[in-house]
């Protein structure tokens, strides 16, 4: 994953464990969500180029 993508994810989740160059696991333990994770992912805004 690019450094930019990793930085964005680390700002959102309490813990990110990189598995390989292009894979990682987010630990969402303790995160309080007001909507299901799937909906959150769809509404996070348009991708930036």
PDB file of N, CA and C in Angstrom:
ATOM      1  N   UNK A   1       0.842  -1.180   0.000  1.00  0.00           N
ATOM      2  CA  UNK A   1       0.000   0.000   0.000  1.00  0.00           C
ATOM      3  C   UNK A   1       0.879   1.232   0.000  1.00  0.00           C
ATOM      4  N   UNK A   2       0.356   2.263  -0.570  1.00  0.00           N
ATOM      5  CA  UNK A   2       1.141   3.481  -0.588  1.00  0.00           C
ATOM      6  C   UNK A   2       1.176   4.109   0.801  1.00  0.00           C
ATOM      7  N   UNK A   3       2.184   4.872   1.057  1.00  0.00           N
ATOM      8  CA  UNK A   3       2.322   5.560   2.339  1.00  0.00           C
ATOM      9  C   UNK A   3       1.131   6.466   2.594  1.00  0.00           C
ATOM     10  N   UNK A   4       0.621   7.079   1.555  1.00  0.00           N
ATOM     11  CA  UNK A   4      -0.530   7.975   1.696  1.00  0.00           C
ATOM     12  C   UNK A   4      -1.779   7.215   2.164  1.00  0.00           C
ATOM     13  N   UNK A   5      -2.032   6.071   1.583  1.00  0.00           N
ATOM     14  CA  UNK A   5      -3.185   5.249   1.966  1.00  0.00           C
ATOM     15  C   UNK A   5      -3.030   4.767   3.407  1.00  0.00           C
ATOM     16  N   UNK A   6      -1.857   4.292   3.752  1.00  0.00           N
ATOM     17  CA  UNK A   6      -1.599   3.816   5.112  1.00  0.00           C
ATOM     18  C   UNK A   6      -1.813   4.934   6.121  1.00  0.00           C
ATOM     19  N   UNK A   7      -1.341   6.114   5.823  1.00  0.00           N
ATOM     20  CA  UNK A   7      -1.517   7.262   6.718  1.00  0.00           C
ATOM     21  C   UNK A   7      -2.990   7.578   6.943  1.00  0.00           C
ATOM     22  N   UNK A   8      -3.771   7.530   5.883  1.00  0.00           N
ATOM     23  CA  UNK A   8      -5.211   7.798   5.999  1.00  0.00           C
ATOM     24  C   UNK A   8      -5.893   6.752   6.881  1.00  0.00           C
ATOM     25  N   UNK A   9      -5.568   5.499   6.684  1.00  0.00           N
ATOM     26  CA  UNK A   9      -6.171   4.430   7.481  1.00  0.00           C
ATOM     27  C   UNK A   9      -5.763   4.553   8.945  1.00  0.00           C
ATOM     28  N   UNK A  10      -4.502   4.864   9.200  1.00  0.00           N
ATOM     29  CA  UNK A  10      -4.025   4.992  10.583  1.00  0.00           C
ATOM     30  C   UNK A  10      -4.701   6.134  11.334  1.00  0.00           C
ATOM     31  N   UNK A  11      -5.185   7.144  10.613  1.00  0.00           N
ATOM     32  CA  UNK A  11      -5.903   8.240  11.256  1.00  0.00           C
ATOM     33  C   UNK A  11      -7.296   7.819  11.713  1.00  0.00           C
ATOM     34  N   UNK A  12      -7.830   6.767  11.110  1.00  0.00           N
ATOM     35  CA  UNK A  12      -9.201   6.344  11.386  1.00  0.00           C
ATOM     36  C   UNK A  12      -9.276   5.210  12.409  1.00  0.00           C
ATOM     37  N   UNK A  13      -8.395   4.231  12.297  1.00  0.00           N
ATOM     38  CA  UNK A  13      -8.485   3.047  13.160  1.00  0.00           C
ATOM     39  C   UNK A  13      -7.430   3.089  14.262  1.00  0.00           C
ATOM     40  N   UNK A  14      -7.745   2.450  15.410  1.00  0.00           N
ATOM     41  CA  UNK A  14      -6.786   2.463  16.517  1.00  0.00           C
ATOM     42  C   UNK A  14      -5.495   1.686  16.233  1.00  0.00           C
ATOM     43  N   UNK A  15      -5.596   0.640  15.390  1.00  0.00           N
ATOM     44  CA  UNK A  15      -4.411  -0.178  15.134  1.00  0.00           C
ATOM     45  C   UNK A  15      -4.470  -0.759  13.727  1.00  0.00           C
ATOM     46  N   UNK A  16      -3.375  -0.666  13.024  1.00  0.00           N
ATOM     47  CA  UNK A  16      -3.249  -1.231  11.682  1.00  0.00           C
ATOM     48  C   UNK A  16      -2.039  -2.135  11.668  1.00  0.00           C
ATOM     49  N   UNK A  17      -2.246  -3.382  11.283  1.00  0.00           N
ATOM     50  CA  UNK A  17      -1.143  -4.331  11.188  1.00  0.00           C
ATOM     51  C   UNK A  17      -0.919  -4.663   9.721  1.00  0.00           C
ATOM     52  N   UNK A  18       0.233  -4.303   9.219  1.00  0.00           N
ATOM     53  CA  UNK A  18       0.549  -4.589   7.822  1.00  0.00           C
ATOM     54  C   UNK A  18       0.912  -6.060   7.694  1.00  0.00           C
ATOM     55  N   UNK A  19       0.276  -6.741   6.749  1.00  0.00           N
ATOM     56  CA  UNK A  19       0.476  -8.167   6.521  1.00  0.00           C
ATOM     57  C   UNK A  19       1.507  -8.400   5.426  1.00  0.00           C
ATOM     58  N   UNK A  20       1.431  -7.579   4.397  1.00  0.00           N
ATOM     59  CA  UNK A  20       2.388  -7.654   3.292  1.00  0.00           C
ATOM     60  C   UNK A  20       2.457  -6.262   2.668  1.00  0.00           C
ATOM     61  N   UNK A  21       3.114  -6.161   1.545  1.00  0.00           N
ATOM     62  CA  UNK A  21       3.274  -4.863   0.889  1.00  0.00           C
ATOM     63  C   UNK A  21       1.923  -4.238   0.537  1.00  0.00           C
ATOM     64  N   UNK A  22       0.955  -5.060   0.152  1.00  0.00           N
ATOM     65  CA  UNK A  22      -0.339  -4.520  -0.286  1.00  0.00           C
ATOM     66  C   UNK A  22      -1.537  -5.020   0.524  1.00  0.00           C
ATOM     67  N   UNK A  23      -1.284  -5.558   1.723  1.00  0.00           N
ATOM     68  CA  UNK A  23      -2.382  -6.031   2.566  1.00  0.00           C
ATOM     69  C   UNK A  23      -2.155  -5.620   4.012  1.00  0.00           C
ATOM     70  N   UNK A  24      -3.249  -5.350   4.689  1.00  0.00           N
ATOM     71  CA  UNK A  24      -3.151  -5.006   6.103  1.00  0.00           C
ATOM     72  C   UNK A  24      -4.441  -5.337   6.815  1.00  0.00           C
ATOM     73  N   UNK A  25      -4.392  -5.399   8.143  1.00  0.00           N
ATOM     74  CA  UNK A  25      -5.560  -5.689   8.959  1.00  0.00           C
ATOM     75  C   UNK A  25      -5.800  -4.517   9.893  1.00  0.00           C
ATOM     76  N   UNK A  26      -7.052  -4.065   9.960  1.00  0.00           N
ATOM     77  CA  UNK A  26      -7.441  -2.979  10.849  1.00  0.00           C
ATOM     78  C   UNK A  26      -8.093  -3.573  12.087  1.00  0.00           C
ATOM     79  N   UNK A  27      -7.634  -3.171  13.258  1.00  0.00           N
ATOM     80  CA  UNK A  27      -8.262  -3.575  14.512  1.00  0.00           C
ATOM     81  C   UNK A  27      -9.241  -2.470  14.889  1.00  0.00           C
ATOM     82  N   UNK A  28     -10.514  -2.752  14.778  1.00  0.00           N
ATOM     83  CA  UNK A  28     -11.557  -1.760  15.049  1.00  0.00           C
ATOM     84  C   UNK A  28     -12.119  -1.896  16.459  1.00  0.00           C
ATOM     85  N   UNK A  29     -11.450  -2.672  17.304  1.00  0.00           N
ATOM     86  CA  UNK A  29     -11.899  -2.869  18.674  1.00  0.00           C
ATOM     87  C   UNK A  29     -12.017  -1.528  19.389  1.00  0.00           C
ATOM     88  N   UNK A  30     -13.159  -1.307  20.012  1.00  0.00           N
ATOM     89  CA  UNK A  30     -13.366  -0.086  20.771  1.00  0.00           C
ATOM     90  C   UNK A  30     -13.853   1.096  19.966  1.00  0.00           C
ATOM     91  N   UNK A  31     -13.927   0.955  18.656  1.00  0.00           N
ATOM     92  CA  UNK A  31     -14.433   2.046  17.829  1.00  0.00           C
ATOM     93  C   UNK A  31     -15.947   2.087  17.945  1.00  0.00           C
ATOM     94  N   UNK A  32     -16.474   3.248  18.221  1.00  0.00           N
ATOM     95  CA  UNK A  32     -17.922   3.400  18.297  1.00  0.00           C
ATOM     96  C   UNK A  32     -18.423   3.894  16.954  1.00  0.00           C
ATOM     97  N   UNK A  33     -19.214   3.091  16.304  1.00  0.00           N
ATOM     98  CA  UNK A  33     -19.734   3.447  14.986  1.00  0.00           C
ATOM     99  C   UNK A  33     -21.206   3.804  15.117  1.00  0.00           C
ATOM    100  N   UNK A  34     -21.624   4.829  14.407  1.00  0.00           N
ATOM    101  CA  UNK A  34     -23.028   5.224  14.399  1.00  0.00           C
ATOM    102  C   UNK A  34     -23.762   4.627  13.208  1.00  0.00           C
ATOM    103  N   UNK A  35     -23.026   3.917  12.350  1.00  0.00           N
ATOM    104  CA  UNK A  35     -23.613   3.232  11.208  1.00  0.00           C
ATOM    105  C   UNK A  35     -22.795   1.981  10.923  1.00  0.00           C
ATOM    106  N   UNK A  36     -23.355   1.013  10.202  1.00  0.00           N
ATOM    107  CA  UNK A  36     -22.594  -0.196   9.863  1.00  0.00           C
ATOM    108  C   UNK A  36     -21.313   0.150   9.088  1.00  0.00           C
ATOM    109  N   UNK A  37     -20.271  -0.653   9.280  1.00  0.00           N
ATOM    110  CA  UNK A  37     -18.983  -0.407   8.624  1.00  0.00           C
ATOM    111  C   UNK A  37     -19.108  -0.335   7.103  1.00  0.00           C
ATOM    112  N   UNK A  38     -19.967  -1.176   6.524  1.00  0.00           N
ATOM    113  CA  UNK A  38     -20.123  -1.171   5.065  1.00  0.00           C
ATOM    114  C   UNK A  38     -20.644   0.183   4.582  1.00  0.00           C
ATOM    115  N   UNK A  39     -21.638   0.729   5.298  1.00  0.00           N
ATOM    116  CA  UNK A  39     -22.180   2.032   4.920  1.00  0.00           C
ATOM    117  C   UNK A  39     -21.142   3.138   5.103  1.00  0.00           C
ATOM    118  N   UNK A  40     -20.360   3.065   6.170  1.00  0.00           N
ATOM    119  CA  UNK A  40     -19.303   4.043   6.412  1.00  0.00           C
ATOM    120  C   UNK A  40     -18.307   4.048   5.254  1.00  0.00           C
ATOM    121  N   UNK A  41     -17.916   2.883   4.803  1.00  0.00           N
ATOM    122  CA  UNK A  41     -16.971   2.778   3.695  1.00  0.00           C
ATOM    123  C   UNK A  41     -17.503   3.359   2.405  1.00  0.00           C
ATOM    124  N   UNK A  42     -18.793   3.237   2.187  1.00  0.00           N
ATOM    125  CA  UNK A  42     -19.402   3.753   0.968  1.00  0.00           C
ATOM    126  C   UNK A  42     -19.606   5.271   1.002  1.00  0.00           C
ATOM    127  N   UNK A  43     -19.668   5.857   2.188  1.00  0.00           N
ATOM    128  CA  UNK A  43     -19.967   7.285   2.302  1.00  0.00           C
ATOM    129  C   UNK A  43     -18.773   8.139   2.721  1.00  0.00           C
ATOM    130  N   UNK A  44     -17.588   7.582   2.638  1.00  0.00           N
ATOM    131  CA  UNK A  44     -16.416   8.323   3.096  1.00  0.00           C
ATOM    132  C   UNK A  44     -15.959   9.391   2.119  1.00  0.00           C
ATOM    133  N   UNK A  45     -16.627   9.520   1.001  1.00  0.00           N
ATOM    134  CA  UNK A  45     -16.286  10.570   0.052  1.00  0.00           C
ATOM    135  C   UNK A  45     -15.613  10.029  -1.190  1.00  0.00           C
ATOM    136  N   UNK A  46     -15.510  10.859  -2.199  1.00  0.00           N
ATOM    137  CA  UNK A  46     -14.889  10.426  -3.450  1.00  0.00           C
ATOM    138  C   UNK A  46     -13.387  10.226  -3.293  1.00  0.00           C
ATOM    139  N   UNK A  47     -12.851   9.327  -4.061  1.00  0.00           N
ATOM    140  CA  UNK A  47     -11.409   9.066  -4.030  1.00  0.00           C
ATOM    141  C   UNK A  47     -10.657  10.255  -4.604  1.00  0.00           C
ATOM    142  N   UNK A  48      -9.529  10.564  -4.022  1.00  0.00           N
ATOM    143  CA  UNK A  48      -8.669  11.644  -4.505  1.00  0.00           C
ATOM    144  C   UNK A  48      -7.595  11.043  -5.393  1.00  0.00           C
ATOM    145  N   UNK A  49      -7.312  11.643  -6.510  1.00  0.00           N
ATOM    146  CA  UNK A  49      -6.280  11.141  -7.432  1.00  0.00           C
ATOM    147  C   UNK A  49      -4.921  11.629  -7.018  1.00  0.00           C
TER     148      UNK A  49
END
